[in-house]
């Protein structure tokens, strides 16, 4: 008679994550079927539009309070339960706050530094870039007021880094930042 394995406390987590990944896989396959049907209908009516590339991803980090922070990036967004594809990709952005400065790191591969436009307006950092079929746009809400005139930006290997000093007073007009 074969011996039965005793269930462990950790088996609950294995089943939980297995269910989550099965749900994600099922939803992705349903979405792809809908896209294929949409393309078939477009061909039937003589209109064919090229979509893509589809870029979607997410980053999960643990915040200082111990709670997970999930950030999405790419050009696919879910609006009212349906996927919406935009021409501009949203880059993955990290904000690192020190005692006196804020550092914003954004991934914008495939463009040159001349194609990137970075501005600060109030407590918002605006990143936009366009080069051929690569287009990026992101408005980053800064955690505190900053001194826009102290901002320095650098771009190497597809990574944009903007450092700016903290301030007590918010500025009203926008401030353009030169990329080194």
C-alpha atoms as a PDB file:
ATOM      1  CA  UNK A   1       0.000   0.000   0.000  1.00  0.00           C
ATOM      2  CA  UNK A   2       1.473   3.347  -1.084  1.00  0.00           C
ATOM      3  CA  UNK A   3       2.202   5.825   1.638  1.00  0.00           C
ATOM      4  CA  UNK A   4       0.243   9.103   1.572  1.00  0.00           C
ATOM      5  CA  UNK A   5       2.187  12.316   1.840  1.00  0.00           C
ATOM      6  CA  UNK A   6       1.114  14.545   4.672  1.00  0.00           C
ATOM      7  CA  UNK A   7       0.018  18.031   3.675  1.00  0.00           C
ATOM      8  CA  UNK A   8       2.314  20.770   4.802  1.00  0.00           C
ATOM      9  CA  UNK A   9       1.398  24.286   5.855  1.00  0.00           C
ATOM     10  CA  UNK A  10       3.333  25.576   2.804  1.00  0.00           C
ATOM     11  CA  UNK A  11       1.151  23.585   0.374  1.00  0.00           C
ATOM     12  CA  UNK A  12      -1.528  26.253   0.815  1.00  0.00           C
ATOM     13  CA  UNK A  13       0.841  28.859  -0.678  1.00  0.00           C
ATOM     14  CA  UNK A  14       1.811  26.567  -3.554  1.00  0.00           C
ATOM     15  CA  UNK A  15      -1.856  26.113  -4.464  1.00  0.00           C
ATOM     16  CA  UNK A  16      -2.530  29.850  -4.070  1.00  0.00           C
ATOM     17  CA  UNK A  17       0.259  30.912  -6.436  1.00  0.00           C
ATOM     18  CA  UNK A  18      -0.581  28.131  -8.869  1.00  0.00           C
ATOM     19  CA  UNK A  19      -4.155  29.462  -9.062  1.00  0.00           C
ATOM     20  CA  UNK A  20      -2.936  33.029  -9.627  1.00  0.00           C
ATOM     21  CA  UNK A  21      -0.631  32.020 -12.486  1.00  0.00           C
ATOM     22  CA  UNK A  22      -3.344  29.895 -14.075  1.00  0.00           C
ATOM     23  CA  UNK A  23      -5.714  32.907 -13.950  1.00  0.00           C
ATOM     24  CA  UNK A  24      -3.083  35.166 -15.540  1.00  0.00           C
ATOM     25  CA  UNK A  25      -2.407  32.599 -18.276  1.00  0.00           C
ATOM     26  CA  UNK A  26      -6.133  32.151 -18.974  1.00  0.00           C
ATOM     27  CA  UNK A  27      -6.705  35.919 -19.149  1.00  0.00           C
ATOM     28  CA  UNK A  28      -3.739  36.409 -21.491  1.00  0.00           C
ATOM     29  CA  UNK A  29      -4.965  33.639 -23.828  1.00  0.00           C
ATOM     30  CA  UNK A  30      -8.484  35.167 -23.860  1.00  0.00           C
ATOM     31  CA  UNK A  31      -7.009  38.573 -24.688  1.00  0.00           C
ATOM     32  CA  UNK A  32      -4.959  37.097 -27.554  1.00  0.00           C
ATOM     33  CA  UNK A  33      -8.050  35.317 -28.949  1.00  0.00           C
ATOM     34  CA  UNK A  34      -9.958  38.621 -28.900  1.00  0.00           C
ATOM     35  CA  UNK A  35      -7.093  40.369 -30.704  1.00  0.00           C
ATOM     36  CA  UNK A  36      -6.977  37.629 -33.366  1.00  0.00           C
ATOM     37  CA  UNK A  37     -10.746  37.910 -33.885  1.00  0.00           C
ATOM     38  CA  UNK A  38     -10.423  41.683 -34.147  1.00  0.00           C
ATOM     39  CA  UNK A  39      -7.757  41.279 -36.848  1.00  0.00           C
ATOM     40  CA  UNK A  40      -9.977  38.797 -38.752  1.00  0.00           C
ATOM     41  CA  UNK A  41     -12.893  41.245 -38.697  1.00  0.00           C
ATOM     42  CA  UNK A  42     -10.647  44.062 -39.911  1.00  0.00           C
ATOM     43  CA  UNK A  43      -9.479  41.923 -42.840  1.00  0.00           C
ATOM     44  CA  UNK A  44     -13.080  41.034 -43.735  1.00  0.00           C
ATOM     45  CA  UNK A  45     -13.953  44.712 -44.021  1.00  0.00           C
ATOM     46  CA  UNK A  46     -10.826  45.511 -46.005  1.00  0.00           C
ATOM     47  CA  UNK A  47      -9.144  47.520 -43.264  1.00  0.00           C
ATOM     48  CA  UNK A  48      -5.976  46.292 -41.728  1.00  0.00           C
ATOM     49  CA  UNK A  49      -4.159  48.328 -39.105  1.00  0.00           C
ATOM     50  CA  UNK A  50      -0.842  47.306 -37.692  1.00  0.00           C
ATOM     51  CA  UNK A  51      -0.735  47.346 -33.922  1.00  0.00           C
ATOM     52  CA  UNK A  52       2.313  47.083 -31.808  1.00  0.00           C
ATOM     53  CA  UNK A  53       4.694  46.519 -30.496  1.00  0.00           C
ATOM     54  CA  UNK A  54       2.869  45.529 -27.317  1.00  0.00           C
ATOM     55  CA  UNK A  55       4.945  46.332 -24.265  1.00  0.00           C
ATOM     56  CA  UNK A  56       3.717  45.538 -20.769  1.00  0.00           C
ATOM     57  CA  UNK A  57       5.470  44.771 -17.551  1.00  0.00           C
ATOM     58  CA  UNK A  58       5.426  45.420 -13.867  1.00  0.00           C
ATOM     59  CA  UNK A  59       7.840  45.814 -11.013  1.00  0.00           C
ATOM     60  CA  UNK A  60       7.169  44.787  -7.426  1.00  0.00           C
ATOM     61  CA  UNK A  61       9.161  46.304  -4.569  1.00  0.00           C
ATOM     62  CA  UNK A  62       8.658  46.484  -0.836  1.00  0.00           C
ATOM     63  CA  UNK A  63       8.099  50.002   0.490  1.00  0.00           C
ATOM     64  CA  UNK A  64       9.579  51.402   3.709  1.00  0.00           C
ATOM     65  CA  UNK A  65       6.353  50.476   5.527  1.00  0.00           C
ATOM     66  CA  UNK A  66       6.754  46.816   4.512  1.00  0.00           C
ATOM     67  CA  UNK A  67       3.871  46.871   2.007  1.00  0.00           C
ATOM     68  CA  UNK A  68       4.407  45.836  -1.634  1.00  0.00           C
ATOM     69  CA  UNK A  69       4.460  48.556  -4.305  1.00  0.00           C
ATOM     70  CA  UNK A  70       3.429  47.463  -7.803  1.00  0.00           C
ATOM     71  CA  UNK A  71       4.446  49.701 -10.728  1.00  0.00           C
ATOM     72  CA  UNK A  72       3.298  49.068 -14.291  1.00  0.00           C
ATOM     73  CA  UNK A  73       5.139  50.134 -17.431  1.00  0.00           C
ATOM     74  CA  UNK A  74       4.709  49.813 -21.177  1.00  0.00           C
ATOM     75  CA  UNK A  75       2.037  50.916 -23.639  1.00  0.00           C
ATOM     76  CA  UNK A  76      -0.815  48.571 -22.623  1.00  0.00           C
ATOM     77  CA  UNK A  77      -3.215  49.835 -19.968  1.00  0.00           C
ATOM     78  CA  UNK A  78      -6.472  48.443 -18.667  1.00  0.00           C
ATOM     79  CA  UNK A  79      -9.196  51.083 -18.838  1.00  0.00           C
ATOM     80  CA  UNK A  80     -12.756  50.127 -17.830  1.00  0.00           C
ATOM     81  CA  UNK A  81     -11.805  46.439 -17.927  1.00  0.00           C
ATOM     82  CA  UNK A  82     -10.500  46.542 -21.512  1.00  0.00           C
ATOM     83  CA  UNK A  83      -6.915  46.785 -22.737  1.00  0.00           C
ATOM     84  CA  UNK A  84      -5.990  50.133 -24.303  1.00  0.00           C
ATOM     85  CA  UNK A  85      -2.850  50.382 -26.391  1.00  0.00           C
ATOM     86  CA  UNK A  86      -1.208  53.782 -26.719  1.00  0.00           C
ATOM     87  CA  UNK A  87       1.512  54.912 -29.067  1.00  0.00           C
ATOM     88  CA  UNK A  88       3.717  56.066 -26.191  1.00  0.00           C
ATOM     89  CA  UNK A  89       5.275  53.632 -23.769  1.00  0.00           C
ATOM     90  CA  UNK A  90       5.409  54.419 -20.089  1.00  0.00           C
ATOM     91  CA  UNK A  91       8.971  53.810 -18.884  1.00  0.00           C
ATOM     92  CA  UNK A  92       9.770  52.008 -15.645  1.00  0.00           C
ATOM     93  CA  UNK A  93      10.701  54.695 -13.099  1.00  0.00           C
ATOM     94  CA  UNK A  94      12.249  54.515  -9.635  1.00  0.00           C
ATOM     95  CA  UNK A  95      12.391  57.411  -7.165  1.00  0.00           C
ATOM     96  CA  UNK A  96      15.206  57.431  -4.616  1.00  0.00           C
ATOM     97  CA  UNK A  97      14.892  60.010  -1.867  1.00  0.00           C
ATOM     98  CA  UNK A  98      17.897  61.101   0.228  1.00  0.00           C
ATOM     99  CA  UNK A  99      18.129  63.705   2.955  1.00  0.00           C
ATOM    100  CA  UNK A 100      18.748  66.610   0.542  1.00  0.00           C
ATOM    101  CA  UNK A 101      18.095  65.212  -2.959  1.00  0.00           C
ATOM    102  CA  UNK A 102      15.664  63.203  -5.017  1.00  0.00           C
ATOM    103  CA  UNK A 103      16.987  60.903  -7.755  1.00  0.00           C
ATOM    104  CA  UNK A 104      14.665  59.711 -10.512  1.00  0.00           C
ATOM    105  CA  UNK A 105      15.864  56.770 -12.620  1.00  0.00           C
ATOM    106  CA  UNK A 106      13.917  55.925 -15.806  1.00  0.00           C
ATOM    107  CA  UNK A 107      14.487  53.215 -18.412  1.00  0.00           C
ATOM    108  CA  UNK A 108      14.157  54.741 -21.911  1.00  0.00           C
ATOM    109  CA  UNK A 109      16.131  52.458 -24.268  1.00  0.00           C
ATOM    110  CA  UNK A 110      16.443  52.979 -27.999  1.00  0.00           C
ATOM    111  CA  UNK A 111      16.608  56.793 -28.041  1.00  0.00           C
ATOM    112  CA  UNK A 112      19.500  59.232 -27.993  1.00  0.00           C
ATOM    113  CA  UNK A 113      19.873  61.931 -25.352  1.00  0.00           C
ATOM    114  CA  UNK A 114      18.962  64.597 -27.944  1.00  0.00           C
ATOM    115  CA  UNK A 115      15.528  62.936 -28.329  1.00  0.00           C
ATOM    116  CA  UNK A 116      14.719  63.172 -24.607  1.00  0.00           C
ATOM    117  CA  UNK A 117      12.870  66.125 -23.088  1.00  0.00           C
ATOM    118  CA  UNK A 118      12.798  66.437 -19.291  1.00  0.00           C
ATOM    119  CA  UNK A 119      10.886  69.193 -17.472  1.00  0.00           C
ATOM    120  CA  UNK A 120       9.914  69.974 -13.908  1.00  0.00           C
ATOM    121  CA  UNK A 121       6.647  71.745 -13.221  1.00  0.00           C
ATOM    122  CA  UNK A 122       5.775  72.129  -9.567  1.00  0.00           C
ATOM    123  CA  UNK A 123       6.028  68.691  -7.982  1.00  0.00           C
ATOM    124  CA  UNK A 124       5.843  66.868 -11.333  1.00  0.00           C
ATOM    125  CA  UNK A 125       8.749  65.638 -13.445  1.00  0.00           C
ATOM    126  CA  UNK A 126       7.735  65.141 -17.090  1.00  0.00           C
ATOM    127  CA  UNK A 127       9.778  62.754 -19.242  1.00  0.00           C
ATOM    128  CA  UNK A 128       9.092  62.509 -22.978  1.00  0.00           C
ATOM    129  CA  UNK A 129      11.197  60.990 -25.737  1.00  0.00           C
ATOM    130  CA  UNK A 130      10.660  60.092 -29.373  1.00  0.00           C
ATOM    131  CA  UNK A 131      12.961  58.433 -31.891  1.00  0.00           C
ATOM    132  CA  UNK A 132      11.499  56.543 -34.834  1.00  0.00           C
ATOM    133  CA  UNK A 133       8.976  54.043 -33.504  1.00  0.00           C
ATOM    134  CA  UNK A 134      10.183  54.454 -29.890  1.00  0.00           C
ATOM    135  CA  UNK A 135       8.067  56.950 -27.972  1.00  0.00           C
ATOM    136  CA  UNK A 136       8.032  57.393 -24.206  1.00  0.00           C
ATOM    137  CA  UNK A 137       5.998  59.604 -21.890  1.00  0.00           C
ATOM    138  CA  UNK A 138       5.693  59.676 -18.117  1.00  0.00           C
ATOM    139  CA  UNK A 139       4.627  62.226 -15.518  1.00  0.00           C
ATOM    140  CA  UNK A 140       6.300  61.439 -12.211  1.00  0.00           C
ATOM    141  CA  UNK A 141       4.808  62.915  -9.038  1.00  0.00           C
ATOM    142  CA  UNK A 142       7.708  63.938  -6.784  1.00  0.00           C
ATOM    143  CA  UNK A 143       7.421  63.249  -3.042  1.00  0.00           C
ATOM    144  CA  UNK A 144       8.384  66.823  -2.014  1.00  0.00           C
ATOM    145  CA  UNK A 145       8.923  70.282  -3.482  1.00  0.00           C
ATOM    146  CA  UNK A 146      12.210  70.656  -5.385  1.00  0.00           C
ATOM    147  CA  UNK A 147      14.547  73.378  -6.678  1.00  0.00           C
ATOM    148  CA  UNK A 148      14.290  72.927 -10.478  1.00  0.00           C
ATOM    149  CA  UNK A 149      17.362  75.075 -11.151  1.00  0.00           C
ATOM    150  CA  UNK A 150      19.551  72.492  -9.341  1.00  0.00           C
ATOM    151  CA  UNK A 151      18.417  69.593 -11.526  1.00  0.00           C
ATOM    152  CA  UNK A 152      21.038  67.585 -13.379  1.00  0.00           C
ATOM    153  CA  UNK A 153      20.249  64.786 -15.818  1.00  0.00           C
ATOM    154  CA  UNK A 154      22.437  62.143 -17.423  1.00  0.00           C
ATOM    155  CA  UNK A 155      21.661  59.415 -19.958  1.00  0.00           C
ATOM    156  CA  UNK A 156      23.758  56.290 -20.432  1.00  0.00           C
ATOM    157  CA  UNK A 157      22.917  52.871 -21.890  1.00  0.00           C
ATOM    158  CA  UNK A 158      19.176  53.535 -22.046  1.00  0.00           C
ATOM    159  CA  UNK A 159      18.934  54.764 -18.448  1.00  0.00           C
ATOM    160  CA  UNK A 160      17.991  58.367 -17.667  1.00  0.00           C
ATOM    161  CA  UNK A 161      18.965  59.663 -14.226  1.00  0.00           C
ATOM    162  CA  UNK A 162      17.715  63.005 -12.908  1.00  0.00           C
ATOM    163  CA  UNK A 163      18.983  64.426  -9.593  1.00  0.00           C
ATOM    164  CA  UNK A 164      17.346  67.447  -8.021  1.00  0.00           C
ATOM    165  CA  UNK A 165      17.647  69.129  -4.628  1.00  0.00           C
ATOM    166  CA  UNK A 166      14.693  69.379  -2.274  1.00  0.00           C
ATOM    167  CA  UNK A 167      13.126  72.789  -1.545  1.00  0.00           C
ATOM    168  CA  UNK A 168      10.575  74.289   0.802  1.00  0.00           C
ATOM    169  CA  UNK A 169       8.656  76.333  -1.798  1.00  0.00           C
ATOM    170  CA  UNK A 170       6.896  75.116  -4.961  1.00  0.00           C
ATOM    171  CA  UNK A 171       7.598  76.882  -8.292  1.00  0.00           C
ATOM    172  CA  UNK A 172       4.727  77.724 -10.629  1.00  0.00           C
ATOM    173  CA  UNK A 173       6.382  77.801 -14.066  1.00  0.00           C
ATOM    174  CA  UNK A 174       7.986  74.822 -15.753  1.00  0.00           C
ATOM    175  CA  UNK A 175      11.755  74.388 -15.848  1.00  0.00           C
ATOM    176  CA  UNK A 176      13.577  72.607 -18.685  1.00  0.00           C
ATOM    177  CA  UNK A 177      16.499  70.364 -17.707  1.00  0.00           C
ATOM    178  CA  UNK A 178      19.569  69.913 -19.909  1.00  0.00           C
ATOM    179  CA  UNK A 179      20.744  66.306 -20.340  1.00  0.00           C
ATOM    180  CA  UNK A 180      24.505  65.810 -20.095  1.00  0.00           C
END
